[in-house]
Amino acid sequence: MGNNSQHAFVSLKENMSSLYNLTASECEISNFYSVLKAYKESMSDKINFVLSTLKSCANDIELSEAKNDKGDYNVTQITK
């Protein structure tokens, strides 16, 4: 349980040298500013929320905007 000003999960702000994966299974994630904050140039192959509840968070998943028009993205697949 957060205090409404924290991110539950967050990528590195810079120097992400490899893909990351995130799985939250059978849990409640509540009272966070965001469930996931993914910064520019961070890349995830898969983000899974399995039998989990996301509640009372200002932002569920924040994926940073790509501004260089190269077709970059933050995640390949998100499932709930």
Protein backbone atom coordinates (compact mmCIF):
# COMPACT_ATOMS: atom_id res chain seq x y z
CA MET A 1 0.00 0.00 0.00
CA GLY A 2 1.38 3.37 -1.02
CA ASN A 3 0.89 6.91 0.26
CA ASN A 4 -0.51 8.38 -3.02
CA SER A 5 2.81 10.03 -3.93
CA GLN A 6 4.91 6.96 -4.81
CA HIS A 7 5.24 4.72 -7.86
CA ALA A 8 4.73 1.01 -7.08
CA PHE A 9 7.20 0.02 -9.84
CA VAL A 10 9.54 2.29 -11.79
CA SER A 11 12.15 1.77 -14.52
CA LEU A 12 15.56 3.38 -14.40
CA LYS A 13 15.47 6.97 -15.62
CA GLU A 14 18.48 6.37 -17.91
CA ASN A 15 20.99 3.70 -18.95
CA MET A 16 18.46 0.86 -19.36
CA SER A 17 20.67 -1.60 -21.22
CA SER A 18 18.23 -4.53 -21.45
CA LEU A 19 14.55 -5.43 -21.55
CA TYR A 20 12.69 -5.90 -18.29
CA ASN A 21 9.60 -7.97 -17.46
CA LEU A 22 7.09 -7.30 -14.68
CA THR A 23 4.60 -9.78 -13.22
CA ALA A 24 2.31 -8.98 -10.29
CA SER A 25 0.37 -12.06 -9.26
CA GLU A 26 -2.50 -12.38 -6.79
CA CYS A 27 -1.97 -9.01 -5.10
CA GLU A 28 -3.63 -5.66 -4.50
CA ILE A 29 -1.74 -2.55 -5.55
CA SER A 30 -3.43 0.49 -4.03
CA ASN A 31 -2.92 4.11 -3.06
CA PHE A 32 0.07 4.78 -5.32
CA TYR A 33 0.54 7.77 -7.62
CA SER A 34 1.13 5.22 -10.39
CA VAL A 35 1.38 1.44 -10.57
CA LEU A 36 4.18 1.58 -13.15
CA LYS A 37 6.24 4.55 -14.31
CA ALA A 38 8.31 3.65 -17.39
CA TYR A 39 10.78 6.33 -18.43
CA LYS A 40 11.78 7.20 -21.98
CA GLU A 41 14.05 4.62 -23.62
CA SER A 42 13.14 1.88 -21.12
CA MET A 43 11.82 -1.24 -22.85
CA SER A 44 9.72 -4.08 -21.48
CA ASP A 45 8.93 -7.30 -23.27
CA LYS A 46 5.94 -8.17 -21.10
CA ILE A 47 3.96 -6.64 -18.23
CA ASN A 48 1.48 -9.00 -16.53
CA PHE A 49 -1.08 -8.42 -13.80
CA VAL A 50 -2.47 -11.86 -12.92
CA LEU A 51 -5.45 -12.08 -10.55
CA SER A 52 -4.42 -8.67 -9.18
CA THR A 53 -6.37 -5.56 -8.27
CA LEU A 54 -5.19 -2.02 -9.09
CA LYS A 55 -7.16 0.49 -7.05
CA SER A 56 -7.11 4.08 -5.84
CA CYS A 57 -4.08 5.06 -7.93
CA ALA A 58 -3.92 8.41 -9.72
CA ASN A 59 -2.35 6.73 -12.79
CA ASP A 60 -2.28 3.01 -13.42
CA ILE A 61 0.47 2.60 -16.04
CA GLU A 62 2.55 5.56 -17.25
CA LEU A 63 4.55 4.83 -20.39
CA SER A 64 6.74 7.73 -21.49
CA GLU A 65 6.12 9.36 -24.82
CA ALA A 66 8.58 8.75 -27.64
CA LYS A 67 9.34 12.14 -29.17
CA ASN A 68 11.96 11.18 -31.74
CA ASP A 69 9.53 9.60 -34.29
CA LYS A 70 11.71 6.49 -34.62
CA GLY A 71 8.84 4.12 -33.80
CA ASP A 72 10.30 3.22 -30.41
CA TYR A 73 7.94 1.89 -27.76
CA ASN A 74 8.04 1.01 -24.06
CA VAL A 75 6.36 -2.41 -23.99
CA THR A 76 5.52 -5.23 -26.38
CA GLN A 77 2.64 -6.80 -24.42
CA ILE A 78 0.50 -5.81 -21.40
CA THR A 79 -1.98 -8.33 -19.98
CA LYS A 80 -4.42 -8.30 -17.10
